[in-house]
Amino acid sequence: MVMTRPCADCLPDASDTMLSPLRIHLVYHPRELLKRSNTGQLLQSALGNCVAQTWQRGQAIFAKQDNTPKILIYPERLARRYRGIEGKAHPQLTLPGEAELVLLDASWQDAQKIYNRSPELQQLPLLSLAAGQLSDMDCGPAFRLRRNQKPAGLATVQTAIALHLLAGHSAIAEALRRRYCAFLRCSESGH
């Protein structure tokens, strides 16, 4: 599948990547890679150690020999609706040292499909972000990347910003926020 990347002006220069202390594993829905508004690609290009892969129905997401603890970042109300999970939103991010944070990079509808069709994901512990934890991501006047964007829905890079803030990595969160704001301005200008 050919990725439709935003223009070069909308993404950080390859020499300007950061290494995050958080281990982020992006799982792309195949359609997401065709969207110019995809912020997962922004995140992947900004964080040199971000792992990414494209989800395919019926195929394993994680290697069998990979015993790294993983935490799925997913709205608990959606997971509970589908699988009866009694997850709790965590007020502060505390992770096992080597835990990988798994983010589904997809529209809300496609993320639900990935979750529902992936027993591996359903077995992972959930971390849900509460709305009050997301106040430091303002990029100025409200701008919507997508027509059907949910009011409380976050773009993939916004989720990564929130995770870095919660984990106390404010410099990386701020650098990602600046890149996200530049990405929004670039997208708004029609690049």
Protein backbone atom coordinates (compact mmCIF):
# COMPACT_ATOMS: atom_id res chain seq x y z
CA MET A 1 0.00 0.00 0.00
CA VAL A 2 1.31 3.43 -0.92
CA MET A 3 1.32 5.91 1.93
CA THR A 4 -0.09 9.34 1.14
CA ARG A 5 2.09 11.50 3.31
CA PRO A 6 1.43 15.12 4.10
CA CYS A 7 3.68 17.52 2.23
CA ALA A 8 7.28 17.81 3.39
CA ASP A 9 6.53 21.20 4.99
CA CYS A 10 3.99 19.53 7.31
CA LEU A 11 6.38 16.92 8.70
CA PRO A 12 9.55 17.41 10.74
CA ASP A 13 12.91 17.14 9.05
CA ALA A 14 14.38 13.64 9.47
CA SER A 15 17.42 15.15 11.18
CA ASP A 16 15.11 16.69 13.80
CA THR A 17 13.79 13.48 15.38
CA MET A 18 13.57 12.93 19.13
CA LEU A 19 13.98 9.79 21.18
CA SER A 20 11.13 9.29 23.59
CA PRO A 21 11.54 7.58 26.95
CA LEU A 22 8.08 6.11 26.26
CA ARG A 23 7.87 3.10 23.99
CA ILE A 24 5.08 3.82 21.52
CA HIS A 25 3.76 1.15 19.17
CA LEU A 26 1.40 2.47 16.47
CA VAL A 27 -1.03 0.07 14.82
CA TYR A 28 -2.31 1.71 11.63
CA HIS A 29 -5.57 0.83 9.95
CA PRO A 30 -4.70 0.41 6.23
CA ARG A 31 -7.01 3.26 5.18
CA GLU A 32 -5.36 5.65 7.62
CA LEU A 33 -2.14 5.66 5.63
CA LEU A 34 -4.01 7.13 2.66
CA LYS A 35 -5.20 10.20 4.56
CA ARG A 36 -3.27 13.46 4.40
CA SER A 37 -4.70 14.33 7.83
CA ASN A 38 -3.01 11.32 9.45
CA THR A 39 -1.11 12.42 12.54
CA GLY A 40 0.36 8.99 13.23
CA GLN A 41 2.85 9.65 10.45
CA LEU A 42 3.69 12.97 12.11
CA LEU A 43 4.32 11.14 15.38
CA GLN A 44 6.36 8.43 13.69
CA SER A 45 8.54 10.97 11.89
CA ALA A 46 9.03 13.03 15.09
CA LEU A 47 9.96 10.13 17.39
CA GLY A 48 12.86 8.11 16.05
CA ASN A 49 12.07 5.14 18.30
CA CYS A 50 8.33 4.89 17.54
CA VAL A 51 7.40 1.42 16.23
CA ALA A 52 4.65 1.25 13.61
CA GLN A 53 2.88 -1.41 11.62
CA THR A 54 -0.23 -1.80 9.51
CA TRP A 55 -3.03 -3.95 10.96
CA GLN A 56 -4.30 -6.82 8.87
CA ARG A 57 -7.29 -8.87 9.91
CA GLY A 58 -6.36 -12.37 11.02
CA GLN A 59 -2.65 -11.62 11.41
CA ALA A 60 -0.82 -11.36 14.72
CA ILE A 61 -0.01 -7.85 15.83
CA PHE A 62 2.86 -8.72 18.15
CA ALA A 63 5.64 -11.23 17.56
CA LYS A 64 5.14 -14.46 19.53
CA GLN A 65 8.56 -14.16 21.17
CA ASP A 66 7.84 -10.55 22.26
CA ASN A 67 7.19 -10.65 26.01
CA THR A 68 7.33 -6.88 26.46
CA PRO A 69 4.44 -5.72 28.68
CA LYS A 70 1.96 -3.73 26.62
CA ILE A 71 -0.78 -1.28 27.53
CA LEU A 72 -3.51 -0.36 25.07
CA ILE A 73 -4.48 3.30 25.01
CA TYR A 74 -8.19 3.05 24.31
CA PRO A 75 -11.39 4.65 25.60
CA GLU A 76 -12.58 2.38 28.39
CA ARG A 77 -16.26 3.04 27.60
CA LEU A 78 -15.78 1.57 24.13
CA ALA A 79 -13.84 -1.44 25.36
CA ARG A 80 -16.39 -2.09 28.09
CA ARG A 81 -19.25 -1.89 25.59
CA TYR A 82 -17.70 -4.58 23.42
CA ARG A 83 -16.00 -6.92 25.87
CA GLY A 84 -17.34 -6.21 29.33
CA ILE A 85 -13.96 -4.95 30.52
CA GLU A 86 -13.99 -3.14 33.84
CA GLY A 87 -11.04 -0.88 33.13
CA LYS A 88 -10.45 2.33 35.03
CA ALA A 89 -9.11 5.64 33.80
CA HIS A 90 -5.77 6.23 35.46
CA PRO A 91 -5.26 9.71 36.93
CA GLN A 92 -1.49 9.46 36.55
CA LEU A 93 0.61 7.42 34.18
CA THR A 94 2.80 4.90 35.93
CA LEU A 95 4.24 2.19 33.74
CA PRO A 96 6.37 -0.87 34.18
CA GLY A 97 9.84 0.19 33.02
CA GLU A 98 9.75 -1.46 29.61
CA ALA A 99 6.01 -1.25 28.85
CA GLU A 100 4.99 -0.50 25.29
CA LEU A 101 2.07 1.88 24.80
CA VAL A 102 -0.10 0.65 21.94
CA LEU A 103 -2.04 3.29 20.00
CA LEU A 104 -4.55 2.45 17.28
CA ASP A 105 -4.11 4.94 14.46
CA ALA A 106 -7.51 4.92 12.78
CA SER A 107 -10.86 6.63 12.63
CA TRP A 108 -13.03 5.82 15.66
CA GLN A 109 -15.07 3.39 13.60
CA ASP A 110 -11.98 1.61 12.25
CA ALA A 111 -10.31 1.58 15.69
CA GLN A 112 -13.39 -0.21 17.06
CA LYS A 113 -13.15 -2.76 14.24
CA ILE A 114 -9.46 -3.35 14.94
CA TYR A 115 -10.17 -3.81 18.64
CA ASN A 116 -13.16 -6.11 18.08
CA ARG A 117 -11.29 -8.29 15.61
CA SER A 118 -8.02 -8.54 17.53
CA PRO A 119 -8.10 -10.88 20.55
CA GLU A 120 -4.50 -9.82 21.29
CA LEU A 121 -5.65 -6.26 21.93
CA GLN A 122 -8.65 -7.32 24.00
CA GLN A 123 -6.28 -9.10 26.42
CA LEU A 124 -4.16 -6.01 27.08
CA PRO A 125 -4.66 -3.76 30.09
CA LEU A 126 -6.28 -0.46 29.14
CA LEU A 127 -5.21 3.08 29.84
CA SER A 128 -7.90 5.65 29.14
CA LEU A 129 -7.21 9.36 29.13
CA ALA A 130 -9.68 11.57 31.00
CA ALA A 131 -10.75 14.84 29.40
CA GLY A 132 -9.20 16.86 32.27
CA GLN A 133 -5.78 15.46 31.41
CA LEU A 134 -5.80 17.03 27.96
CA SER A 135 -5.81 20.76 28.65
CA ASP A 136 -2.26 21.54 27.49
CA MET A 137 -2.75 20.83 23.80
CA ASP A 138 -4.30 24.02 22.53
CA CYS A 139 -3.14 25.15 19.10
CA GLY A 140 -5.31 28.25 18.94
CA PRO A 141 -8.71 28.42 17.26
CA ALA A 142 -10.48 25.07 16.99
CA PHE A 143 -9.56 23.23 13.84
CA ARG A 144 -10.96 19.88 12.83
CA LEU A 145 -8.82 17.50 10.83
CA ARG A 146 -11.81 15.32 9.96
CA ARG A 147 -15.50 15.88 9.29
CA ASN A 148 -16.70 13.20 11.70
CA GLN A 149 -14.25 13.99 14.48
CA LYS A 150 -15.75 13.33 17.92
CA PRO A 151 -15.67 16.31 20.30
CA ALA A 152 -13.69 14.35 22.92
CA GLY A 153 -11.76 12.41 20.28
CA LEU A 154 -8.03 12.88 19.98
CA ALA A 155 -5.73 12.65 17.03
CA THR A 156 -2.97 10.07 17.45
CA VAL A 157 -0.30 12.71 18.05
CA GLN A 158 -2.54 14.43 20.65
CA THR A 159 -2.72 11.15 22.54
CA ALA A 160 1.08 10.89 22.48
CA ILE A 161 1.33 14.48 23.75
CA ALA A 162 -1.01 13.66 26.65
CA LEU A 163 0.93 10.49 27.49
CA HIS A 164 4.22 12.40 27.59
CA LEU A 165 2.68 15.08 29.82
CA LEU A 166 1.27 12.47 32.20
CA ALA A 167 4.62 10.68 32.37
CA GLY A 168 6.43 13.94 33.21
CA HIS A 169 8.18 14.37 29.86
CA SER A 170 6.97 17.92 29.28
CA ALA A 171 9.78 18.97 26.92
CA ILE A 172 8.93 16.18 24.47
CA ALA A 173 5.21 16.89 24.89
CA GLU A 174 5.80 20.56 24.07
CA ALA A 175 7.96 19.73 21.04
CA LEU A 176 5.23 17.37 19.76
CA ARG A 177 2.56 20.02 20.43
CA ARG A 178 4.51 22.60 18.40
CA ARG A 179 4.85 20.13 15.52
CA TYR A 180 1.16 19.28 15.73
CA CYS A 181 0.20 22.97 15.63
CA ALA A 182 2.46 23.47 12.58
CA PHE A 183 0.86 20.39 10.99
CA LEU A 184 -2.62 21.88 11.59
CA ARG A 185 -1.59 25.23 10.06
CA CYS A 186 -0.09 23.41 7.09
CA SER A 187 -3.20 21.24 6.65
CA GLU A 188 -5.48 24.27 6.97
CA SER A 189 -3.54 26.05 4.19
CA GLY A 190 -4.27 23.18 1.84
CA HIS A 191 -0.82 21.60 1.54
